C-alpha atoms as a PDB file:
ATOM      1  CA  UNK A   1      96.628 -82.130-124.212  1.00  0.00           C
ATOM      2  CA  UNK A   2      93.211 -80.318-124.638  1.00  0.00           C
ATOM      3  CA  UNK A   3      92.698 -80.405-120.842  1.00  0.00           C
ATOM      4  CA  UNK A   4      96.120 -78.924-120.332  1.00  0.00           C
ATOM      5  CA  UNK A   5      95.461 -76.196-122.842  1.00  0.00           C
ATOM      6  CA  UNK A   6      92.098 -75.489-121.138  1.00  0.00           C
ATOM      7  CA  UNK A   7      93.884 -75.038-117.914  1.00  0.00           C
ATOM      8  CA  UNK A   8      96.717 -72.853-119.554  1.00  0.00           C
ATOM      9  CA  UNK A   9      94.194 -70.428-121.105  1.00  0.00           C
ATOM     10  CA  UNK A  10      92.283 -70.338-118.034  1.00  0.00           C
ATOM     11  CA  UNK A  11      95.228 -69.256-115.924  1.00  0.00           C
ATOM     12  CA  UNK A  12      96.497 -66.759-118.659  1.00  0.00           C
ATOM     13  CA  UNK A  13      92.819 -65.384-119.011  1.00  0.00           C
ATOM     14  CA  UNK A  14      92.478 -64.810-115.095  1.00  0.00           C
ATOM     15  CA  UNK A  15      96.163 -63.090-115.097  1.00  0.00           C
ATOM     16  CA  UNK A  16      95.124 -61.053-118.109  1.00  0.00           C
ATOM     17  CA  UNK A  17      91.759 -59.805-116.697  1.00  0.00           C
ATOM     18  CA  UNK A  18      93.474 -58.934-113.087  1.00  0.00           C
ATOM     19  CA  UNK A  19      96.521 -57.356-114.661  1.00  0.00           C
ATOM     20  CA  UNK A  20      94.685 -55.387-117.393  1.00  0.00           C
ATOM     21  CA  UNK A  21      91.662 -54.179-115.358  1.00  0.00           C
ATOM     22  CA  UNK A  22      93.591 -51.022-113.911  1.00  0.00           C
ATOM     23  CA  UNK A  23      94.642 -50.261-117.500  1.00  0.00           C
ATOM     24  CA  UNK A  24      91.211 -50.396-118.839  1.00  0.00           C
ATOM     25  CA  UNK A  25      89.949 -47.856-116.352  1.00  0.00           C
ATOM     26  CA  UNK A  26      93.228 -45.833-116.710  1.00  0.00           C
ATOM     27  CA  UNK A  27      92.649 -45.645-120.684  1.00  0.00           C
ATOM     28  CA  UNK A  28      88.859 -44.822-120.336  1.00  0.00           C
ATOM     29  CA  UNK A  29      89.757 -41.907-117.811  1.00  0.00           C
ATOM     30  CA  UNK A  30      92.645 -40.542-120.141  1.00  0.00           C
ATOM     31  CA  UNK A  31      90.700 -40.896-123.230  1.00  0.00           C
ATOM     32  CA  UNK A  32      87.664 -38.994-121.780  1.00  0.00           C
ATOM     33  CA  UNK A  33      89.955 -36.126-120.388  1.00  0.00           C
ATOM     34  CA  UNK A  34      91.466 -35.685-123.949  1.00  0.00           C
ATOM     35  CA  UNK A  35      87.985 -35.457-125.541  1.00  0.00           C
ATOM     36  CA  UNK A  36      87.083 -32.685-122.971  1.00  0.00           C
ATOM     37  CA  UNK A  37      90.189 -30.787-123.864  1.00  0.00           C
ATOM     38  CA  UNK A  38      92.414 -31.683-120.722  1.00  0.00           C
ATOM     39  CA  UNK A  39      95.613 -33.452-120.466  1.00  0.00           C
ATOM     40  CA  UNK A  40      94.414 -35.975-118.083  1.00  0.00           C
ATOM     41  CA  UNK A  41      96.301 -38.460-115.868  1.00  0.00           C
ATOM     42  CA  UNK A  42      98.385 -41.301-117.154  1.00  0.00           C
ATOM     43  CA  UNK A  43      96.758 -44.685-118.126  1.00  0.00           C
ATOM     44  CA  UNK A  44      98.839 -45.948-115.379  1.00  0.00           C
ATOM     45  CA  UNK A  45      97.550 -44.014-112.642  1.00  0.00           C
ATOM     46  CA  UNK A  46      95.187 -46.560-111.501  1.00  0.00           C
ATOM     47  CA  UNK A  47      98.229 -48.777-110.884  1.00  0.00           C
ATOM     48  CA  UNK A  48      99.880 -46.200-108.530  1.00  0.00           C
ATOM     49  CA  UNK A  49      96.633 -45.604-106.669  1.00  0.00           C
ATOM     50  CA  UNK A  50      96.178 -49.028-105.890  1.00  0.00           C
ATOM     51  CA  UNK A  51      99.798 -49.334-104.884  1.00  0.00           C
ATOM     52  CA  UNK A  52      99.605 -46.426-102.464  1.00  0.00           C
ATOM     53  CA  UNK A  53      96.271 -47.458-100.883  1.00  0.00           C
ATOM     54  CA  UNK A  54      97.564 -51.103-100.459  1.00  0.00           C
ATOM     55  CA  UNK A  55     100.406 -49.733 -98.271  1.00  0.00           C
ATOM     56  CA  UNK A  56      97.777 -47.851 -95.884  1.00  0.00           C
ATOM     57  CA  UNK A  57      95.985 -49.260 -92.925  1.00  0.00           C
ATOM     58  CA  UNK A  58      91.995 -48.858 -93.131  1.00  0.00           C
ATOM     59  CA  UNK A  59      90.502 -46.403 -90.634  1.00  0.00           C
ATOM     60  CA  UNK A  60      87.304 -47.906 -89.461  1.00  0.00           C
ATOM     61  CA  UNK A  61      84.601 -45.972 -87.531  1.00  0.00           C
ATOM     62  CA  UNK A  62      84.151 -46.805 -83.876  1.00  0.00           C
ATOM     63  CA  UNK A  63      80.678 -48.398 -84.683  1.00  0.00           C
ATOM     64  CA  UNK A  64      81.685 -50.361 -87.686  1.00  0.00           C
ATOM     65  CA  UNK A  65      81.043 -54.109 -87.371  1.00  0.00           C
ATOM     66  CA  UNK A  66      82.630 -57.009 -89.126  1.00  0.00           C
ATOM     67  CA  UNK A  67      80.657 -56.326 -92.388  1.00  0.00           C
ATOM     68  CA  UNK A  68      83.201 -53.400 -92.738  1.00  0.00           C
ATOM     69  CA  UNK A  69      85.986 -55.974 -92.756  1.00  0.00           C
ATOM     70  CA  UNK A  70      84.848 -58.615 -94.986  1.00  0.00           C
ATOM     71  CA  UNK A  71      82.595 -56.852 -97.440  1.00  0.00           C
ATOM     72  CA  UNK A  72      85.446 -55.614 -99.517  1.00  0.00           C
ATOM     73  CA  UNK A  73      87.103 -58.927 -99.744  1.00  0.00           C
ATOM     74  CA  UNK A  74      83.589 -60.477-100.600  1.00  0.00           C
ATOM     75  CA  UNK A  75      82.946 -58.119-103.295  1.00  0.00           C
ATOM     76  CA  UNK A  76      86.175 -58.393-105.076  1.00  0.00           C
ATOM     77  CA  UNK A  77      86.177 -62.394-104.657  1.00  0.00           C
ATOM     78  CA  UNK A  78      82.574 -62.176-106.327  1.00  0.00           C
ATOM     79  CA  UNK A  79      83.655 -59.935-109.101  1.00  0.00           C
ATOM     80  CA  UNK A  80      86.861 -62.058-109.634  1.00  0.00           C
ATOM     81  CA  UNK A  81      84.839 -65.372-109.844  1.00  0.00           C
ATOM     82  CA  UNK A  82      82.393 -63.750-112.463  1.00  0.00           C
ATOM     83  CA  UNK A  83      85.317 -62.257-114.418  1.00  0.00           C
ATOM     84  CA  UNK A  84      86.973 -65.787-114.458  1.00  0.00           C
ATOM     85  CA  UNK A  85      83.956 -67.268-116.258  1.00  0.00           C
ATOM     86  CA  UNK A  86      83.627 -64.588-119.301  1.00  0.00           C
ATOM     87  CA  UNK A  87      86.196 -65.786-121.925  1.00  0.00           C
ATOM     88  CA  UNK A  88      88.535 -63.115-123.487  1.00  0.00           C
ATOM     89  CA  UNK A  89      91.206 -64.313-125.881  1.00  0.00           C
ATOM     90  CA  UNK A  90      90.256 -67.907-125.949  1.00  0.00           C
ATOM     91  CA  UNK A  91      87.298 -70.312-125.857  1.00  0.00           C
ATOM     92  CA  UNK A  92      87.075 -73.674-124.157  1.00  0.00           C
ATOM     93  CA  UNK A  93      88.917 -72.631-120.915  1.00  0.00           C
ATOM     94  CA  UNK A  94      88.661 -75.060-117.838  1.00  0.00           C
ATOM     95  CA  UNK A  95      85.744 -73.077-116.400  1.00  0.00           C
ATOM     96  CA  UNK A  96      83.926 -72.989-119.583  1.00  0.00           C
ATOM     97  CA  UNK A  97      81.260 -75.732-118.480  1.00  0.00           C
ATOM     98  CA  UNK A  98      80.302 -73.636-115.775  1.00  0.00           C
ATOM     99  CA  UNK A  99      80.512 -70.281-117.311  1.00  0.00           C
ATOM    100  CA  UNK A 100      76.640 -69.618-117.144  1.00  0.00           C
ATOM    101  CA  UNK A 101      75.336 -66.183-117.894  1.00  0.00           C
ATOM    102  CA  UNK A 102      72.907 -66.560-114.858  1.00  0.00           C
ATOM    103  CA  UNK A 103      75.719 -67.543-112.617  1.00  0.00           C
ATOM    104  CA  UNK A 104      77.619 -64.368-113.577  1.00  0.00           C
ATOM    105  CA  UNK A 105      74.725 -62.299-113.061  1.00  0.00           C
ATOM    106  CA  UNK A 106      74.404 -63.865-109.548  1.00  0.00           C
ATOM    107  CA  UNK A 107      78.095 -63.085-108.763  1.00  0.00           C
ATOM    108  CA  UNK A 108      77.593 -59.636-109.743  1.00  0.00           C
ATOM    109  CA  UNK A 109      74.624 -59.206-107.653  1.00  0.00           C
ATOM    110  CA  UNK A 110      76.492 -60.745-104.741  1.00  0.00           C
ATOM    111  CA  UNK A 111      79.265 -58.136-105.279  1.00  0.00           C
ATOM    112  CA  UNK A 112      76.565 -55.133-105.399  1.00  0.00           C
ATOM    113  CA  UNK A 113      74.948 -56.457-102.109  1.00  0.00           C
ATOM    114  CA  UNK A 114      78.561 -56.639-100.294  1.00  0.00           C
ATOM    115  CA  UNK A 115      78.988 -53.004-101.443  1.00  0.00           C
ATOM    116  CA  UNK A 116      75.681 -51.719-100.181  1.00  0.00           C
ATOM    117  CA  UNK A 117      76.032 -53.463 -96.970  1.00  0.00           C
ATOM    118  CA  UNK A 118      79.283 -51.699 -96.464  1.00  0.00           C
ATOM    119  CA  UNK A 119      77.724 -48.448 -97.260  1.00  0.00           C
ATOM    120  CA  UNK A 120      75.178 -49.186 -94.578  1.00  0.00           C
ATOM    121  CA  UNK A 121      77.163 -50.540 -91.964  1.00  0.00           C
ATOM    122  CA  UNK A 122      78.378 -47.510 -90.316  1.00  0.00           C
ATOM    123  CA  UNK A 123      74.963 -46.039 -90.395  1.00  0.00           C
ATOM    124  CA  UNK A 124      76.109 -42.536 -92.231  1.00  0.00           C
ATOM    125  CA  UNK A 125      73.506 -40.559 -94.155  1.00  0.00           C
ATOM    126  CA  UNK A 126      75.534 -40.875 -97.520  1.00  0.00           C
ATOM    127  CA  UNK A 127      76.293 -44.503 -97.132  1.00  0.00           C
ATOM    128  CA  UNK A 128      72.337 -45.330 -96.460  1.00  0.00           C
ATOM    129  CA  UNK A 129      71.650 -42.934 -99.448  1.00  0.00           C
ATOM    130  CA  UNK A 130      74.119 -44.422-101.911  1.00  0.00           C
ATOM    131  CA  UNK A 131      72.966 -47.985-100.911  1.00  0.00           C
ATOM    132  CA  UNK A 132      69.155 -47.221-101.266  1.00  0.00           C
ATOM    133  CA  UNK A 133      69.769 -45.841-104.836  1.00  0.00           C
ATOM    134  CA  UNK A 134      71.976 -48.540-105.791  1.00  0.00           C
ATOM    135  CA  UNK A 135      69.528 -51.312-104.791  1.00  0.00           C
ATOM    136  CA  UNK A 136      66.667 -49.221-106.301  1.00  0.00           C
ATOM    137  CA  UNK A 137      68.533 -49.165-109.547  1.00  0.00           C
ATOM    138  CA  UNK A 138      69.265 -52.814-109.404  1.00  0.00           C
ATOM    139  CA  UNK A 139      65.645 -53.536-109.042  1.00  0.00           C
ATOM    140  CA  UNK A 140      65.305 -52.520-112.692  1.00  0.00           C
ATOM    141  CA  UNK A 141      68.888 -53.512-113.991  1.00  0.00           C
ATOM    142  CA  UNK A 142      68.705 -57.197-112.942  1.00  0.00           C
ATOM    143  CA  UNK A 143      65.312 -57.974-114.643  1.00  0.00           C
ATOM    144  CA  UNK A 144      66.663 -56.393-117.899  1.00  0.00           C
ATOM    145  CA  UNK A 145      69.842 -58.477-117.644  1.00  0.00           C
ATOM    146  CA  UNK A 146      67.834 -61.836-117.164  1.00  0.00           C
ATOM    147  CA  UNK A 147      65.508 -60.902-120.019  1.00  0.00           C
ATOM    148  CA  UNK A 148      68.624 -60.380-122.193  1.00  0.00           C
ATOM    149  CA  UNK A 149      70.108 -63.742-121.175  1.00  0.00           C
ATOM    150  CA  UNK A 150      66.609 -65.215-122.017  1.00  0.00           C
ATOM    151  CA  UNK A 151      66.897 -63.907-125.416  1.00  0.00           C
ATOM    152  CA  UNK A 152      70.309 -65.290-125.932  1.00  0.00           C
ATOM    153  CA  UNK A 153      69.388 -68.539-124.517  1.00  0.00           C
ATOM    154  CA  UNK A 154      66.488 -68.956-126.764  1.00  0.00           C
ATOM    155  CA  UNK A 155      68.515 -68.288-129.682  1.00  0.00           C
ATOM    156  CA  UNK A 156      71.669 -70.582-128.767  1.00  0.00           C
ATOM    157  CA  UNK A 157      69.739 -73.293-126.697  1.00  0.00           C
ATOM    158  CA  UNK A 158      71.761 -72.662-123.715  1.00  0.00           C
ATOM    159  CA  UNK A 159      72.773 -70.081-121.034  1.00  0.00           C
ATOM    160  CA  UNK A 160      76.432 -71.013-121.273  1.00  0.00           C
ATOM    161  CA  UNK A 161      78.327 -68.223-122.356  1.00  0.00           C
ATOM    162  CA  UNK A 162      81.257 -70.244-124.080  1.00  0.00           C
ATOM    163  CA  UNK A 163      78.511 -71.924-126.252  1.00  0.00           C
ATOM    164  CA  UNK A 164      76.726 -68.595-126.925  1.00  0.00           C
ATOM    165  CA  UNK A 165      80.109 -67.141-127.900  1.00  0.00           C
ATOM    166  CA  UNK A 166      80.932 -69.864-130.242  1.00  0.00           C
ATOM    167  CA  UNK A 167      77.344 -69.595-131.855  1.00  0.00           C
ATOM    168  CA  UNK A 168      77.515 -65.871-132.388  1.00  0.00           C
ATOM    169  CA  UNK A 169      81.123 -66.288-133.798  1.00  0.00           C
ATOM    170  CA  UNK A 170      80.039 -69.049-136.390  1.00  0.00           C
ATOM    171  CA  UNK A 171      77.366 -66.672-137.634  1.00  0.00           C
ATOM    172  CA  UNK A 172      74.623 -69.353-137.139  1.00  0.00           C
ATOM    173  CA  UNK A 173      72.010 -66.620-135.685  1.00  0.00           C
ATOM    174  CA  UNK A 174      72.461 -64.291-138.596  1.00  0.00           C
ATOM    175  CA  UNK A 175      71.058 -60.447-138.093  1.00  0.00           C
ATOM    176  CA  UNK A 176      68.145 -60.322-135.915  1.00  0.00           C
ATOM    177  CA  UNK A 177      66.309 -57.549-134.448  1.00  0.00           C
ATOM    178  CA  UNK A 178      65.905 -59.290-131.255  1.00  0.00           C
ATOM    179  CA  UNK A 179      69.689 -59.575-130.907  1.00  0.00           C
ATOM    180  CA  UNK A 180      69.838 -55.609-131.652  1.00  0.00           C
ATOM    181  CA  UNK A 181      67.406 -54.882-128.781  1.00  0.00           C
ATOM    182  CA  UNK A 182      69.211 -57.289-126.396  1.00  0.00           C
ATOM    183  CA  UNK A 183      72.469 -55.525-127.254  1.00  0.00           C
ATOM    184  CA  UNK A 184      70.873 -52.003-126.565  1.00  0.00           C
ATOM    185  CA  UNK A 185      69.427 -53.166-123.211  1.00  0.00           C
ATOM    186  CA  UNK A 186      72.591 -54.995-122.190  1.00  0.00           C
ATOM    187  CA  UNK A 187      74.875 -51.824-122.811  1.00  0.00           C
ATOM    188  CA  UNK A 188      72.158 -49.636-120.806  1.00  0.00           C
ATOM    189  CA  UNK A 189      72.721 -52.256-117.962  1.00  0.00           C
ATOM    190  CA  UNK A 190      76.415 -52.270-118.274  1.00  0.00           C
ATOM    191  CA  UNK A 191      76.488 -48.461-117.980  1.00  0.00           C
ATOM    192  CA  UNK A 192      74.241 -48.507-114.638  1.00  0.00           C
ATOM    193  CA  UNK A 193      76.261 -51.502-113.362  1.00  0.00           C
ATOM    194  CA  UNK A 194      79.625 -49.430-113.539  1.00  0.00           C
ATOM    195  CA  UNK A 195      78.132 -46.286-112.225  1.00  0.00           C
ATOM    196  CA  UNK A 196      79.037 -44.394-115.544  1.00  0.00           C
ATOM    197  CA  UNK A 197      77.390 -41.317-117.055  1.00  0.00           C
ATOM    198  CA  UNK A 198      74.543 -40.790-117.618  1.00  0.00           C
ATOM    199  CA  UNK A 199      73.437 -43.015-114.485  1.00  0.00           C
ATOM    200  CA  UNK A 200      76.141 -41.650-112.257  1.00  0.00           C
ATOM    201  CA  UNK A 201      79.588 -39.806-112.426  1.00  0.00           C
ATOM    202  CA  UNK A 202      82.383 -41.674-110.985  1.00  0.00           C
ATOM    203  CA  UNK A 203      84.568 -38.520-110.793  1.00  0.00           C
ATOM    204  CA  UNK A 204      82.058 -36.482-108.432  1.00  0.00           C
ATOM    205  CA  UNK A 205      81.256 -36.526-104.750  1.00  0.00           C
ATOM    206  CA  UNK A 206      78.357 -34.180-104.929  1.00  0.00           C
ATOM    207  CA  UNK A 207      75.962 -35.600-102.298  1.00  0.00           C
ATOM    208  CA  UNK A 208      72.845 -34.814-104.563  1.00  0.00           C
ATOM    209  CA  UNK A 209      74.110 -36.981-107.395  1.00  0.00           C
ATOM    210  CA  UNK A 210      76.492 -39.724-106.293  1.00  0.00           C
ATOM    211  CA  UNK A 211      75.615 -43.303-105.895  1.00  0.00           C
ATOM    212  CA  UNK A 212      78.592 -45.425-105.987  1.00  0.00           C
ATOM    213  CA  UNK A 213      80.912 -43.150-104.292  1.00  0.00           C
ATOM    214  CA  UNK A 214      78.749 -42.364-101.438  1.00  0.00           C
ATOM    215  CA  UNK A 215      79.022 -46.171-100.230  1.00  0.00           C
ATOM    216  CA  UNK A 216      82.717 -45.648-100.359  1.00  0.00           C
ATOM    217  CA  UNK A 217      83.135 -42.559 -98.149  1.00  0.00           C
ATOM    218  CA  UNK A 218      83.848 -44.540 -95.152  1.00  0.00           C
ATOM    219  CA  UNK A 219      86.461 -46.621 -96.878  1.00  0.00           C
ATOM    220  CA  UNK A 220      90.048 -46.096 -96.588  1.00  0.00           C
ATOM    221  CA  UNK A 221      93.529 -47.932 -96.957  1.00  0.00           C
ATOM    222  CA  UNK A 222      93.472 -51.467 -98.154  1.00  0.00           C
ATOM    223  CA  UNK A 223      89.597 -51.644 -98.112  1.00  0.00           C
ATOM    224  CA  UNK A 224      89.405 -48.730-100.374  1.00  0.00           C
ATOM    225  CA  UNK A 225      91.973 -50.283-102.737  1.00  0.00           C
ATOM    226  CA  UNK A 226      90.083 -53.456-102.774  1.00  0.00           C
ATOM    227  CA  UNK A 227      86.715 -51.367-103.810  1.00  0.00           C
ATOM    228  CA  UNK A 228      88.666 -49.585-106.379  1.00  0.00           C
ATOM    229  CA  UNK A 229      90.105 -52.844-107.864  1.00  0.00           C
ATOM    230  CA  UNK A 230      86.543 -54.419-107.762  1.00  0.00           C
ATOM    231  CA  UNK A 231      85.320 -51.326-109.703  1.00  0.00           C
ATOM    232  CA  UNK A 232      88.014 -51.501-112.395  1.00  0.00           C
ATOM    233  CA  UNK A 233      87.380 -55.297-112.678  1.00  0.00           C
ATOM    234  CA  UNK A 234      83.475 -54.890-113.025  1.00  0.00           C
ATOM    235  CA  UNK A 235      84.191 -52.474-115.817  1.00  0.00           C
ATOM    236  CA  UNK A 236      86.609 -54.807-117.627  1.00  0.00           C
ATOM    237  CA  UNK A 237      84.213 -57.791-116.960  1.00  0.00           C
ATOM    238  CA  UNK A 238      81.435 -55.859-118.602  1.00  0.00           C
ATOM    239  CA  UNK A 239      83.286 -54.837-121.655  1.00  0.00           C
ATOM    240  CA  UNK A 240      84.661 -58.422-122.124  1.00  0.00           C
ATOM    241  CA  UNK A 241      81.028 -59.734-121.821  1.00  0.00           C
ATOM    242  CA  UNK A 242      79.779 -57.590-124.518  1.00  0.00           C
ATOM    243  CA  UNK A 243      82.724 -58.428-126.670  1.00  0.00           C
ATOM    244  CA  UNK A 244      82.367 -61.991-126.075  1.00  0.00           C
ATOM    245  CA  UNK A 245      78.762 -62.170-126.983  1.00  0.00           C
ATOM    246  CA  UNK A 246      78.188 -59.407-129.779  1.00  0.00           C
ATOM    247  CA  UNK A 247      81.878 -59.324-130.987  1.00  0.00           C
ATOM    248  CA  UNK A 248      83.252 -62.794-130.642  1.00  0.00           C
ATOM    249  CA  UNK A 249      85.509 -62.810-133.697  1.00  0.00           C
ATOM    250  CA  UNK A 250      89.175 -63.458-133.202  1.00  0.00           C
ATOM    251  CA  UNK A 251      88.723 -65.636-130.326  1.00  0.00           C
ATOM    252  CA  UNK A 252      91.007 -68.794-130.291  1.00  0.00           C
ATOM    253  CA  UNK A 253      88.668 -71.894-130.569  1.00  0.00           C
ATOM    254  CA  UNK A 254      88.697 -74.397-128.075  1.00  0.00           C
ATOM    255  CA  UNK A 255      91.828 -76.704-128.367  1.00  0.00           C
ATOM    256  CA  UNK A 256      93.627 -74.497-130.488  1.00  0.00           C
ATOM    257  CA  UNK A 257      97.422 -73.818-130.017  1.00  0.00           C
ATOM    258  CA  UNK A 258      99.624 -70.895-128.911  1.00  0.00           C
ATOM    259  CA  UNK A 259      99.483 -69.185-132.162  1.00  0.00           C
ATOM    260  CA  UNK A 260      95.670 -69.051-132.112  1.00  0.00           C
ATOM    261  CA  UNK A 261      96.199 -67.693-128.611  1.00  0.00           C
ATOM    262  CA  UNK A 262      98.572 -64.907-129.779  1.00  0.00           C
ATOM    263  CA  UNK A 263      96.041 -63.939-132.340  1.00  0.00           C
ATOM    264  CA  UNK A 264      93.086 -63.934-129.776  1.00  0.00           C
ATOM    265  CA  UNK A 265      95.211 -61.669-127.480  1.00  0.00           C
ATOM    266  CA  UNK A 266      95.782 -59.179-130.317  1.00  0.00           C
ATOM    267  CA  UNK A 267      91.954 -59.284-131.553  1.00  0.00           C
ATOM    268  CA  UNK A 268      90.876 -59.036-127.424  1.00  0.00           C
ATOM    269  CA  UNK A 269      93.073 -55.924-127.145  1.00  0.00           C
ATOM    270  CA  UNK A 270      91.740 -54.228-130.121  1.00  0.00           C
ATOM    271  CA  UNK A 271      88.040 -54.746-129.228  1.00  0.00           C
ATOM    272  CA  UNK A 272      88.871 -53.673-125.652  1.00  0.00           C
ATOM    273  CA  UNK A 273      90.492 -50.444-127.057  1.00  0.00           C
ATOM    274  CA  UNK A 274      87.551 -49.918-129.364  1.00  0.00           C
ATOM    275  CA  UNK A 275      84.942 -50.360-126.525  1.00  0.00           C
ATOM    276  CA  UNK A 276      87.137 -48.092-124.309  1.00  0.00           C
ATOM    277  CA  UNK A 277      87.150 -45.086-127.011  1.00  0.00           C
ATOM    278  CA  UNK A 278      83.360 -45.746-127.609  1.00  0.00           C
ATOM    279  CA  UNK A 279      82.649 -45.534-123.751  1.00  0.00           C
ATOM    280  CA  UNK A 280      84.882 -42.208-123.406  1.00  0.00           C
ATOM    281  CA  UNK A 281      83.035 -40.773-126.511  1.00  0.00           C
ATOM    282  CA  UNK A 282      79.515 -41.696-125.085  1.00  0.00           C
ATOM    283  CA  UNK A 283      80.445 -40.155-121.777  1.00  0.00           C
ATOM    284  CA  UNK A 284      81.757 -37.004-123.323  1.00  0.00           C
ATOM    285  CA  UNK A 285      78.781 -36.503-125.559  1.00  0.00           C
ATOM    286  CA  UNK A 286      75.930 -36.675-122.994  1.00  0.00           C
ATOM    287  CA  UNK A 287      75.394 -35.358-119.587  1.00  0.00           C
ATOM    288  CA  UNK A 288      74.523 -37.052-116.257  1.00  0.00           C
ATOM    289  CA  UNK A 289      70.779 -37.350-115.873  1.00  0.00           C
ATOM    290  CA  UNK A 290      68.849 -36.507-112.668  1.00  0.00           C
ATOM    291  CA  UNK A 291      68.818 -39.414-110.484  1.00  0.00           C
ATOM    292  CA  UNK A 292      64.957 -39.465-110.625  1.00  0.00           C
ATOM    293  CA  UNK A 293      65.385 -40.301-114.314  1.00  0.00           C
ATOM    294  CA  UNK A 294      67.729 -43.109-113.683  1.00  0.00           C
ATOM    295  CA  UNK A 295      64.607 -45.645-113.302  1.00  0.00           C
ATOM    296  CA  UNK A 296      63.161 -44.295-116.626  1.00  0.00           C
ATOM    297  CA  UNK A 297      66.394 -44.970-118.181  1.00  0.00           C
ATOM    298  CA  UNK A 298      66.562 -48.585-117.053  1.00  0.00           C
ATOM    299  CA  UNK A 299      62.935 -49.154-117.551  1.00  0.00           C
ATOM    300  CA  UNK A 300      63.365 -48.410-121.290  1.00  0.00           C
ATOM    301  CA  UNK A 301      66.058 -51.133-121.161  1.00  0.00           C
ATOM    302  CA  UNK A 302      63.769 -53.351-119.517  1.00  0.00           C
ATOM    303  CA  UNK A 303      61.212 -52.837-122.066  1.00  0.00           C
ATOM    304  CA  UNK A 304      63.547 -53.159-124.935  1.00  0.00           C
ATOM    305  CA  UNK A 305      64.782 -56.561-123.524  1.00  0.00           C
ATOM    306  CA  UNK A 306      61.128 -57.772-123.061  1.00  0.00           C
ATOM    307  CA  UNK A 307      60.487 -56.766-126.536  1.00  0.00           C
ATOM    308  CA  UNK A 308      63.391 -58.898-127.756  1.00  0.00           C
ATOM    309  CA  UNK A 309      62.074 -61.958-126.099  1.00  0.00           C
ATOM    310  CA  UNK A 310      58.379 -61.290-127.209  1.00  0.00           C
ATOM    311  CA  UNK A 311      59.788 -61.130-130.843  1.00  0.00           C
ATOM    312  CA  UNK A 312      61.598 -64.198-130.528  1.00  0.00           C
ATOM    313  CA  UNK A 313      58.616 -65.986-129.176  1.00  0.00           C
ATOM    314  CA  UNK A 314      56.565 -64.747-131.983  1.00  0.00           C
ATOM    315  CA  UNK A 315      59.285 -65.308-134.601  1.00  0.00           C
ATOM    316  CA  UNK A 316      60.089 -69.123-133.489  1.00  0.00           C
ATOM    317  CA  UNK A 317      56.654 -70.059-132.703  1.00  0.00           C
ATOM    318  CA  UNK A 318      57.346 -70.725-129.146  1.00  0.00           C
ATOM    319  CA  UNK A 319      54.150 -68.913-128.148  1.00  0.00           C
END
């Protein structure tokens, strides 16, 4: 019965993440518009956009190679695989034994590489510009993320996300300065990974500032729908990851029944709503920084993550 429950929760989790990702993006956009004094599009608008794009054939440049064909599918597949490993409303899912944070980071990196290759494939100036900026920022973001994972691994004794979430939920670690530093660093990496303000503005196509959108200028039709779905899924994944690690309360325990699942679904919806509001408020309160300042922003996140690891080494006597 426990194996059956793990399979059921895994299937429900995947269905929830895939169906709810456009809603998370739409709610964030709507909240941001309301905070800026505008009416804003409906939170369901991303669903309509995806439906419209999926009915259109992609238009490819004459010199486009097979990379432009398979990159959208590869990027979405890698992001979906990573999202399947991040717990939402329940723990102990079928893929929990392989839900390693390093694996999640690797899958997100693979999706980023697919996007950069798609941007460079046609050889346009904007595509190459966006790909170069994306990979340059990743050179700072990925080490910061790995140091955050190292911090959590030292505290929990493993890089398994399900075990880390259970350890955090039971309150075994208590309040630690290193955890606060790792949380700030991970939030900074999440902002950069999702091309949000202040790193990038997802609502602009200004050639001097855009990063993510520059790599999508040659995409259209179904290919653009796949990239848009991947963007929404990546945002949902990062919010779920932050909630699973730093706000793990309310999630159903491994082997729990349907009642605990319903409570976990309500708690997960509440946490995602709060994180969407926090993201909208954060983006409305600050301005986009110059693109040459982004390495400084991510460098600060890298230093905070490194400081968190150093504090743990000193406090636990591992040095």
